[in-house]
Amino acid sequence: MKVFIGSSTEAIPIMEKVAELLEDIDFIVKCWKDNESFILGRTISENLTTILNEVDAAIFIYSDDDKTWYKDRVIGSPRDNVLFEHGFFAGKLGLNKSIIVRYNEPRIPSDLAGIIYAKYEEARFNTLRNKLKVWKNDIEKSSEYKKNEISQKSNQKFQINDDVNEKITSESIELINIPQGTYYRIIDDSEIRINNPLSISKKLITQSVYHLIIGNNPSCFKGDFLPVENISFREAIIFCNKLSVKEGYNEVYTITDDIIQWNEKAKGYRLPFELEWEYALGYNNREIQENLNTLAWYCNNSENRTHEVGLKKGSVYGLFDLLGNVWEWCFDNYKDNPPQTPVFEYENRLRVLRGGSFADFDTMFSKENAFRKKQIASDKNKTIGFRIVLQN
């Protein structure tokens, strides 16, 4: 999807930062300052008309860089060229596709009163990026855009034959593609860079899918569309390898006795790394606290049991049950002070669980606890499940 960004000359640094956020969420960005945007021998309006016909949406930086005299005082407001361009693009694209990112406290024209705009200051907590992602998703839905195609293998119905050769199908494992980017870690607000795109399962692995791949269902709470639980780290690894083979990929893990080695260059399924998991969450701590009941099954609303996957509100990327329902195995070794890159120590049996479960109190979802804990790899109980990543 193509987007145009308009701003004043003074606000170019802000525009460039917004452009980076947009590129992180897979926009094709065209800025007014780009040389190729304005062709010699044409008027500004002619060039803007050409750009308008090429883009799907537009963003205008409203900054307080134009100092004007207003009602016996000097105020800061957006420059008139930005206001003109906003009206020009909104007239054709519509207000929902021509949005404002506000910087500082500019005076917004009264005729725009009531329009919801994004605050540039929210970029510090990754909120601006998340709002832009939601905006992009809304445009895609309203315009019947299709999401990036997922491989037919990851979209197909899994099938097995039982003893009487009858075919049984389950729900598909749908993957969500998330572009590379940065986020601020919940536990300490440190900025983390994810250098590769991520393809992660939209939902927790369910009991129906687990049974079809492994041939049994160890769960304590039974139900085809409940998350599989009572799963050890090793069992989750074995599932990944068997699913990879079934779909024609390579095994990502080599298992030798109690040692599990990661084959970094193999294409196939694996558990997410802790940083990938948190990046896919996309919410900061304040947003989680304010929306916990709508995002998670936890002790206050779960009736002390698991629930069908996908019933709670999805994340900004469209993933479900990242918080609550069941804890999720990550591949990393556990460290009290988590590093900014994944940790692999084959002799270390402590692994990371993320997300919390139906049995946890709201305090587990606080900034201090960060829905994170350690677990011995051989342990399993009714609060532990997993989701998967397709490694390319």
Protein backbone atom coordinates (compact mmCIF):
# COMPACT_ATOMS: atom_id res chain seq x y z
CA MET A 1 0.00 0.00 0.00
CA LYS A 2 1.33 3.43 -0.98
CA VAL A 3 1.11 6.44 1.33
CA PHE A 4 2.05 10.10 0.86
CA ILE A 5 3.45 12.17 3.74
CA GLY A 6 3.12 15.95 3.72
CA SER A 7 4.79 18.34 6.14
CA SER A 8 6.49 21.68 6.42
CA THR A 9 10.24 22.02 5.88
CA GLU A 10 10.69 22.53 9.62
CA ALA A 11 8.96 19.22 10.37
CA ILE A 12 11.08 17.09 8.01
CA PRO A 13 12.80 15.23 10.92
CA ILE A 14 9.36 14.27 12.25
CA MET A 15 8.22 13.23 8.80
CA GLU A 16 11.29 11.02 8.37
CA LYS A 17 10.61 9.25 11.66
CA VAL A 18 6.97 8.65 10.71
CA ALA A 19 8.17 7.34 7.33
CA GLU A 20 10.38 4.78 9.13
CA LEU A 21 7.41 3.58 11.19
CA LEU A 22 5.31 3.24 8.06
CA GLU A 23 8.00 1.28 6.22
CA ASP A 24 8.24 -1.04 9.22
CA ILE A 25 4.57 -1.96 8.78
CA ASP A 26 4.96 -2.53 5.05
CA PHE A 27 3.82 0.77 3.54
CA ILE A 28 5.47 2.12 0.39
CA VAL A 29 6.20 5.71 1.39
CA LYS A 30 6.33 8.78 -0.86
CA CYS A 31 7.43 12.00 0.89
CA TRP A 32 6.94 15.47 -0.52
CA LYS A 33 10.66 16.15 -0.22
CA ASP A 34 11.65 13.25 -2.48
CA ASN A 35 13.15 14.54 -5.71
CA GLU A 36 11.13 12.13 -7.84
CA SER A 37 7.85 13.35 -6.35
CA PHE A 38 7.97 16.74 -8.06
CA ILE A 39 8.81 16.83 -11.76
CA LEU A 40 10.48 19.84 -13.38
CA GLY A 41 8.30 22.07 -15.54
CA ARG A 42 5.05 21.33 -13.69
CA THR A 43 3.19 23.34 -11.05
CA ILE A 44 3.00 22.08 -7.50
CA SER A 45 -0.70 21.33 -7.95
CA GLU A 46 0.01 19.25 -11.06
CA ASN A 47 2.61 17.23 -9.20
CA LEU A 48 0.30 16.76 -6.23
CA THR A 49 -2.47 15.56 -8.56
CA THR A 50 -0.11 12.98 -10.05
CA ILE A 51 0.89 11.78 -6.57
CA LEU A 52 -2.76 11.69 -5.45
CA ASN A 53 -3.57 9.28 -8.27
CA GLU A 54 -0.69 6.99 -7.26
CA VAL A 55 -1.25 6.60 -3.51
CA ASP A 56 -3.84 4.80 -1.40
CA ALA A 57 -3.62 7.04 1.67
CA ALA A 58 -1.92 10.15 3.07
CA ILE A 59 -0.54 11.49 6.34
CA PHE A 60 0.00 15.15 7.19
CA ILE A 61 2.29 16.34 9.96
CA TYR A 62 0.56 19.09 11.93
CA SER A 63 3.35 20.92 13.76
CA ASP A 64 3.44 24.24 15.62
CA ASP A 65 6.19 25.63 13.37
CA ASP A 66 4.12 28.51 11.88
CA LYS A 67 3.94 31.30 14.47
CA THR A 68 0.94 33.55 13.87
CA TRP A 69 -0.94 36.30 15.70
CA TYR A 70 -4.31 35.03 16.90
CA LYS A 71 -6.70 36.75 19.34
CA ASP A 72 -4.09 39.03 20.89
CA ARG A 73 -1.48 36.31 21.27
CA VAL A 74 1.11 34.40 19.26
CA ILE A 75 0.25 30.77 18.60
CA GLY A 76 1.81 27.88 16.70
CA SER A 77 -0.14 26.29 13.87
CA PRO A 78 0.48 24.10 10.83
CA ARG A 79 1.73 25.91 7.75
CA ASP A 80 -0.84 26.80 5.11
CA ASN A 81 0.70 24.47 2.53
CA VAL A 82 0.15 21.50 4.85
CA LEU A 83 -3.49 22.53 5.41
CA PHE A 84 -3.97 22.92 1.65
CA GLU A 85 -2.48 19.53 0.87
CA HIS A 86 -4.56 17.86 3.58
CA GLY A 87 -7.76 19.24 2.10
CA PHE A 88 -6.60 18.39 -1.41
CA PHE A 89 -5.98 14.71 -0.57
CA ALA A 90 -8.96 14.33 1.79
CA GLY A 91 -11.27 15.59 -0.93
CA LYS A 92 -10.55 12.52 -3.04
CA LEU A 93 -9.30 9.87 -0.63
CA GLY A 94 -11.66 10.73 2.23
CA LEU A 95 -10.86 11.80 5.80
CA ASN A 96 -10.37 8.21 6.95
CA LYS A 97 -7.49 7.80 4.49
CA SER A 98 -6.00 11.27 5.04
CA ILE A 99 -4.99 11.45 8.67
CA ILE A 100 -3.13 13.85 10.96
CA VAL A 101 -0.04 13.14 13.05
CA ARG A 102 0.27 15.99 15.51
CA TYR A 103 3.64 17.23 16.82
CA ASN A 104 3.72 19.40 19.95
CA GLU A 105 0.55 21.47 20.46
CA PRO A 106 -0.40 23.22 17.21
CA ARG A 107 -3.72 24.98 16.89
CA ILE A 108 -5.96 22.73 14.79
CA PRO A 109 -8.41 24.58 12.51
CA SER A 110 -11.89 24.66 14.03
CA ASP A 111 -13.42 23.03 10.93
CA LEU A 112 -11.40 19.90 11.79
CA ALA A 113 -12.72 19.80 15.36
CA GLY A 114 -13.65 16.29 16.40
CA ILE A 115 -11.31 14.47 14.04
CA ILE A 116 -9.23 11.89 15.88
CA TYR A 117 -5.52 12.30 15.21
CA ALA A 118 -2.34 10.54 16.28
CA LYS A 119 0.24 12.14 18.53
CA TYR A 120 3.85 11.96 17.44
CA GLU A 121 4.92 11.83 21.10
CA GLU A 122 3.37 8.37 21.29
CA ALA A 123 6.20 7.01 19.15
CA ARG A 124 8.35 6.70 22.29
CA PHE A 125 6.10 3.90 23.58
CA ASN A 126 5.46 2.30 20.19
CA THR A 127 1.82 3.44 20.42
CA LEU A 128 2.05 5.56 17.26
CA ARG A 129 3.35 2.60 15.28
CA ASN A 130 0.54 0.41 16.57
CA LYS A 131 -2.10 3.01 15.70
CA LEU A 132 -0.70 3.31 12.19
CA LYS A 133 -0.82 -0.47 11.89
CA VAL A 134 -4.48 -0.51 12.93
CA TRP A 135 -5.19 2.32 10.45
CA LYS A 136 -3.55 0.29 7.66
CA ASN A 137 -5.61 -2.76 8.57
CA ASP A 138 -8.82 -0.71 8.51
CA ILE A 139 -7.99 0.62 5.04
CA GLU A 140 -7.22 -2.87 3.78
CA LYS A 141 -10.55 -4.17 5.03
CA SER A 142 -12.59 -1.29 3.69
CA SER A 143 -10.89 -1.44 0.30
CA GLU A 144 -10.99 -5.26 0.12
CA TYR A 145 -7.25 -5.43 0.09
CA LYS A 146 -5.87 -8.88 0.59
CA LYS A 147 -3.22 -9.61 3.16
CA ASN A 148 0.13 -10.95 2.01
CA GLU A 149 -0.45 -14.40 0.62
CA ILE A 150 0.41 -17.20 2.97
CA SER A 151 1.88 -20.31 1.45
CA GLN A 152 -0.70 -22.88 0.43
CA LYS A 153 0.96 -25.32 2.71
CA SER A 154 0.29 -23.26 5.82
CA ASN A 155 -3.30 -22.53 4.72
CA GLN A 156 -4.38 -26.02 3.78
CA LYS A 157 -6.58 -28.28 5.88
CA PHE A 158 -4.60 -30.95 7.68
CA GLN A 159 -5.85 -34.42 6.95
CA ILE A 160 -5.19 -37.88 8.34
CA ASN A 161 -6.70 -41.29 7.73
CA ASP A 162 -7.96 -43.37 10.62
CA ASP A 163 -8.16 -47.15 10.75
CA VAL A 164 -11.22 -47.22 8.47
CA ASN A 165 -9.57 -44.81 6.01
CA GLU A 166 -11.98 -41.93 6.73
CA LYS A 167 -10.59 -38.44 6.28
CA ILE A 168 -10.73 -36.10 9.24
CA THR A 169 -9.96 -32.41 8.85
CA SER A 170 -9.15 -29.72 11.40
CA GLU A 171 -8.93 -25.95 11.31
CA SER A 172 -5.89 -24.70 9.40
CA ILE A 173 -2.87 -23.17 11.07
CA GLU A 174 -3.04 -19.63 9.77
CA LEU A 175 0.15 -17.60 9.84
CA ILE A 176 0.30 -13.84 10.27
CA ASN A 177 3.14 -12.06 8.47
CA ILE A 178 4.68 -9.24 10.52
CA PRO A 179 7.36 -7.02 8.95
CA GLN A 180 10.67 -6.36 10.68
CA GLY A 181 10.78 -3.37 13.00
CA THR A 182 11.42 -2.12 16.52
CA TYR A 183 9.48 -2.19 19.79
CA TYR A 184 9.95 -1.22 23.42
CA ARG A 185 10.29 -4.17 25.76
CA ILE A 186 7.65 -4.37 28.51
CA ILE A 187 9.97 -5.21 31.39
CA ASP A 188 12.47 -2.35 31.02
CA ASP A 189 11.34 -0.12 28.09
CA SER A 190 14.56 -0.88 26.19
CA GLU A 191 14.29 -0.52 22.41
CA ILE A 192 14.59 -3.86 20.60
CA ARG A 193 15.15 -4.31 16.87
CA ILE A 194 13.70 -7.34 15.07
CA ASN A 195 15.79 -7.67 11.92
CA ASN A 196 13.73 -10.22 10.00
CA PRO A 197 10.05 -10.50 9.07
CA LEU A 198 8.07 -12.86 11.26
CA SER A 199 5.49 -15.50 10.24
CA ILE A 200 3.74 -16.58 13.43
CA SER A 201 0.58 -18.61 14.04
CA LYS A 202 -2.52 -16.49 14.43
CA LYS A 203 -3.84 -18.72 17.20
CA LEU A 204 -2.53 -21.11 19.81
CA ILE A 205 -2.11 -24.68 18.61
CA THR A 206 -5.45 -26.36 19.26
CA GLN A 207 -6.18 -29.87 20.40
CA SER A 208 -7.61 -30.88 17.02
CA VAL A 209 -4.45 -29.81 15.20
CA TYR A 210 -2.14 -31.39 17.78
CA HIS A 211 -4.03 -34.70 17.60
CA LEU A 212 -3.87 -34.79 13.82
CA ILE A 213 -0.11 -34.25 13.77
CA ILE A 214 0.94 -36.25 16.85
CA GLY A 215 -1.90 -38.77 17.18
CA ASN A 216 -2.87 -38.10 20.78
CA ASN A 217 -4.30 -35.36 23.00
CA PRO A 218 -2.69 -34.92 26.44
CA SER A 219 -4.89 -31.95 27.44
CA CYS A 220 -6.68 -31.79 30.77
CA PHE A 221 -9.57 -29.71 29.40
CA LYS A 222 -10.91 -31.48 26.32
CA GLY A 223 -12.24 -29.71 23.24
CA ASP A 224 -11.19 -29.57 19.58
CA PHE A 225 -10.85 -25.79 19.52
CA LEU A 226 -9.45 -25.36 23.00
CA PRO A 227 -5.69 -24.78 23.16
CA VAL A 228 -3.68 -27.95 23.58
CA GLU A 229 -2.09 -27.91 27.05
CA ASN A 230 -0.23 -30.17 29.42
CA ILE A 231 2.62 -29.96 26.90
CA SER A 232 6.32 -30.13 27.73
CA PHE A 233 8.98 -28.14 25.90
CA ARG A 234 10.24 -31.29 24.19
CA GLU A 235 6.73 -32.25 23.06
CA ALA A 236 6.26 -28.81 21.50
CA ILE A 237 9.59 -29.25 19.68
CA ILE A 238 8.57 -32.68 18.37
CA PHE A 239 5.30 -31.20 17.09
CA CYS A 240 7.25 -28.54 15.16
CA ASN A 241 9.49 -31.15 13.52
CA LYS A 242 6.60 -33.45 12.56
CA LEU A 243 4.59 -30.58 11.12
CA SER A 244 7.63 -29.46 9.11
CA VAL A 245 8.06 -32.92 7.61
CA LYS A 246 4.33 -33.27 6.90
CA GLU A 247 4.38 -30.01 4.93
CA GLY A 248 7.54 -30.82 2.98
CA TYR A 249 9.91 -28.61 4.95
CA ASN A 250 13.06 -29.51 6.87
CA GLU A 251 13.24 -30.26 10.57
CA VAL A 252 14.39 -27.13 12.37
CA TYR A 253 15.47 -29.05 15.48
CA THR A 254 17.92 -31.92 15.90
CA ILE A 255 17.07 -33.99 18.98
CA THR A 256 19.80 -36.18 20.49
CA ASP A 257 18.89 -37.70 23.85
CA ASP A 258 18.24 -34.64 26.06
CA ILE A 259 19.99 -32.18 23.75
CA ILE A 260 17.91 -30.07 21.35
CA GLN A 261 19.84 -28.10 18.74
CA TRP A 262 18.45 -25.36 16.54
CA ASN A 263 19.17 -25.59 12.79
CA GLU A 264 19.21 -21.88 11.99
CA LYS A 265 19.24 -22.26 8.19
CA ALA A 266 16.52 -24.90 7.89
CA LYS A 267 13.11 -23.88 6.56
CA GLY A 268 10.41 -25.25 8.80
CA TYR A 269 8.45 -24.73 11.99
CA ARG A 270 9.86 -23.77 15.37
CA LEU A 271 8.89 -22.10 18.63
CA PRO A 272 9.13 -18.31 18.73
CA PHE A 273 12.00 -16.59 20.47
CA GLU A 274 10.99 -14.48 23.43
CA LEU A 275 11.75 -11.19 21.65
CA GLU A 276 9.69 -12.28 18.64
CA TRP A 277 6.78 -13.21 20.88
CA GLU A 278 6.78 -9.82 22.62
CA TYR A 279 7.19 -7.97 19.31
CA ALA A 280 4.11 -9.79 17.97
CA LEU A 281 2.13 -8.65 21.01
CA GLY A 282 2.40 -5.01 19.95
CA TYR A 283 0.94 -3.47 23.12
CA ASN A 284 2.65 -1.44 25.82
CA ASN A 285 1.98 -2.03 29.51
CA ARG A 286 -0.55 0.78 29.91
CA GLU A 287 -2.65 -0.53 27.02
CA ILE A 288 -2.57 -4.03 28.49
CA GLN A 289 -3.68 -2.83 31.92
CA GLU A 290 -6.55 -0.82 30.44
CA ASN A 291 -7.77 -3.66 28.19
CA LEU A 292 -6.89 -6.83 30.10
CA ASN A 293 -10.44 -8.14 30.32
CA THR A 294 -10.94 -7.82 26.57
CA LEU A 295 -7.52 -9.27 25.68
CA ALA A 296 -7.05 -12.20 28.07
CA TRP A 297 -8.61 -15.14 29.83
CA TYR A 298 -7.22 -14.91 33.38
CA CYS A 299 -8.47 -15.81 36.85
CA ASN A 300 -11.01 -12.95 37.05
CA ASN A 301 -12.98 -14.11 33.98
CA SER A 302 -11.86 -17.64 33.03
CA GLU A 303 -13.91 -19.74 35.51
CA ASN A 304 -10.62 -21.57 36.13
CA ARG A 305 -10.45 -23.26 32.74
CA THR A 306 -9.19 -22.75 29.20
CA HIS A 307 -11.42 -21.29 26.49
CA GLU A 308 -11.78 -21.72 22.75
CA VAL A 309 -9.03 -19.86 20.94
CA GLY A 310 -9.80 -16.59 19.18
CA LEU A 311 -12.70 -15.37 21.34
CA LYS A 312 -10.90 -12.45 22.95
CA LYS A 313 -9.80 -9.30 21.13
CA GLY A 314 -6.84 -9.83 18.83
CA SER A 315 -3.52 -7.99 18.99
CA VAL A 316 -2.67 -5.08 16.71
CA TYR A 317 -1.32 -7.65 14.23
CA GLY A 318 -4.40 -9.87 14.44
CA LEU A 319 -3.01 -12.58 16.75
CA PHE A 320 -5.21 -14.11 19.45
CA ASP A 321 -4.66 -15.28 23.02
CA LEU A 322 -1.13 -13.95 23.34
CA LEU A 323 -2.21 -12.96 26.84
CA GLY A 324 -3.96 -15.45 29.10
CA ASN A 325 -5.63 -18.78 28.31
CA VAL A 326 -2.35 -20.78 28.45
CA TRP A 327 1.32 -19.96 28.88
CA GLU A 328 3.40 -20.29 25.69
CA TRP A 329 6.78 -21.97 25.37
CA CYS A 330 9.57 -19.90 23.82
CA PHE A 331 12.80 -21.48 22.62
CA ASP A 332 15.11 -19.23 24.67
CA ASN A 333 16.85 -20.22 27.87
CA TYR A 334 15.55 -18.27 30.84
CA LYS A 335 17.56 -15.36 32.27
CA ASP A 336 16.42 -13.13 35.16
CA ASN A 337 17.57 -10.07 33.24
CA PRO A 338 16.69 -10.98 29.64
CA PRO A 339 19.33 -10.04 27.05
CA GLN A 340 18.53 -8.20 23.84
CA THR A 341 19.31 -11.26 21.71
CA PRO A 342 18.10 -14.87 22.12
CA VAL A 343 20.09 -17.11 24.48
CA PHE A 344 20.87 -20.76 23.68
CA GLU A 345 22.62 -22.90 26.28
CA TYR A 346 22.01 -26.54 25.55
CA GLU A 347 22.89 -27.69 29.05
CA ASN A 348 20.44 -25.19 30.62
CA ARG A 349 17.05 -26.81 31.25
CA LEU A 350 15.25 -23.58 32.20
CA ARG A 351 13.11 -22.20 29.40
CA VAL A 352 10.96 -19.10 29.00
CA LEU A 353 7.17 -19.05 29.22
CA ARG A 354 5.28 -15.94 28.09
CA GLY A 355 1.72 -14.70 28.13
CA GLY A 356 0.15 -15.83 31.39
CA SER A 357 -2.76 -18.25 31.73
CA PHE A 358 -6.37 -18.66 32.76
CA ALA A 359 -5.18 -19.34 36.32
CA ASP A 360 -3.08 -16.18 36.82
CA PHE A 361 -3.99 -13.04 38.75
CA ASP A 362 -3.92 -9.61 37.11
CA THR A 363 -0.62 -8.90 38.88
CA MET A 364 1.07 -11.36 36.49
CA PHE A 365 0.21 -8.95 33.67
CA SER A 366 1.88 -5.97 35.35
CA LYS A 367 5.04 -4.29 34.10
CA GLU A 368 7.04 -5.87 36.96
CA ASN A 369 6.06 -9.46 36.13
CA ALA A 370 5.59 -8.84 32.40
CA PHE A 371 3.64 -12.15 31.97
CA ARG A 372 6.99 -13.92 31.96
CA LYS A 373 8.36 -16.83 34.00
CA LYS A 374 10.83 -19.69 33.96
CA GLN A 375 9.94 -23.36 33.61
CA ILE A 376 11.94 -26.57 33.58
CA ALA A 377 11.75 -27.94 30.04
CA SER A 378 10.40 -31.32 31.17
CA ASP A 379 7.54 -29.78 33.15
CA LYS A 380 4.00 -29.79 31.83
CA ASN A 381 0.61 -28.94 33.26
CA LYS A 382 -2.83 -27.69 32.26
CA THR A 383 -1.66 -24.05 32.01
CA ILE A 384 1.07 -24.57 29.37
CA GLY A 385 0.61 -24.63 25.57
CA PHE A 386 2.36 -23.05 22.57
CA ARG A 387 2.18 -21.38 19.16
CA ILE A 388 4.63 -21.69 16.27
CA VAL A 389 6.72 -19.72 13.78
CA LEU A 390 7.56 -20.62 10.19
CA GLN A 391 11.30 -20.10 9.81
CA ASN A 392 12.36 -19.19 6.26
